Amino acid sequence: MAKKKSDEKSPAENPRVHKDLNGFDIKINSFGEIQMSFEIDKINSFLNNTVDDKKLRNRKKDSEK
């Protein structure tokens, strides 16, 4: 008899997300298409405002010169 893993998440349990992305849900349908509850533009603007991009750090310094 196989053991049941206790680490498995129940399907009803929602992951923790940032308060600005509350209600965000992403699924892949049977055709392999990604379905999201938010528009990609809203997600991109959130990432631009909150995530520091290491590759773009030097561009700010170069543009000031």
Protein backbone atom coordinates (compact mmCIF):
# COMPACT_ATOMS: atom_id res chain seq x y z
CA MET A 1 0.00 0.00 0.00
CA ALA A 2 1.44 3.38 -1.02
CA LYS A 3 1.90 6.09 1.57
CA LYS A 4 -0.01 9.30 1.20
CA LYS A 5 2.26 12.33 1.11
CA SER A 6 1.44 14.85 3.81
CA ASP A 7 3.23 17.65 1.90
CA GLU A 8 0.63 17.77 -0.89
CA LYS A 9 -1.49 20.92 -0.99
CA SER A 10 -5.21 20.61 -1.05
CA PRO A 11 -6.78 22.01 -4.26
CA ALA A 12 -8.86 24.52 -2.29
CA GLU A 13 -5.81 26.12 -0.65
CA ASN A 14 -4.82 29.38 -2.36
CA PRO A 15 -1.19 30.52 -2.49
CA ARG A 16 -0.08 33.68 -0.72
CA VAL A 17 0.23 36.68 -3.04
CA HIS A 18 1.06 40.37 -2.74
CA LYS A 19 -1.91 42.49 -1.63
CA ASP A 20 -1.96 44.26 -5.03
CA LEU A 21 -2.35 40.89 -6.78
CA ASN A 22 -5.05 39.52 -4.50
CA GLY A 23 -7.32 37.23 -6.52
CA PHE A 24 -4.65 36.37 -9.10
CA ASP A 25 -5.15 32.91 -10.54
CA ILE A 26 -3.37 31.17 -13.41
CA LYS A 27 -4.34 27.92 -15.10
CA ILE A 28 -3.36 25.97 -18.19
CA ASN A 29 -6.27 24.52 -20.14
CA SER A 30 -6.35 21.24 -22.06
CA PHE A 31 -5.03 22.96 -25.21
CA GLY A 32 -1.94 24.28 -23.39
CA GLU A 33 -3.21 27.86 -23.31
CA ILE A 34 -2.44 29.97 -20.25
CA GLN A 35 -5.50 31.53 -18.65
CA MET A 36 -5.03 34.27 -16.05
CA SER A 37 -7.47 36.20 -13.91
CA PHE A 38 -5.51 39.47 -14.51
CA GLU A 39 -4.46 41.11 -17.75
CA ILE A 40 -0.78 40.75 -18.61
CA ASP A 41 -0.40 44.55 -18.73
CA LYS A 42 -1.48 44.86 -15.10
CA ILE A 43 0.99 42.14 -14.06
CA ASN A 44 3.81 43.78 -16.04
CA SER A 45 3.18 47.20 -14.48
CA PHE A 46 3.18 45.61 -11.01
CA LEU A 47 6.50 43.88 -11.73
CA ASN A 48 8.04 47.07 -13.15
CA ASN A 49 7.12 48.99 -10.00
CA THR A 50 8.10 46.41 -7.38
CA VAL A 51 10.92 44.23 -8.76
CA ASP A 52 14.48 45.50 -9.12
CA ASP A 53 16.02 44.40 -12.42
CA LYS A 54 19.77 43.82 -12.03
CA LYS A 55 20.37 44.23 -15.77
CA LEU A 56 18.81 47.71 -15.80
CA ARG A 57 20.59 49.15 -12.75
CA ASN A 58 23.43 50.66 -14.79
CA ARG A 59 21.10 52.22 -17.37
CA LYS A 60 19.81 54.76 -14.84
CA LYS A 61 23.36 55.90 -14.13
CA ASP A 62 24.21 56.14 -17.84
CA SER A 63 21.12 58.20 -18.67
CA GLU A 64 21.98 60.78 -15.98
CA LYS A 65 25.35 61.59 -17.61
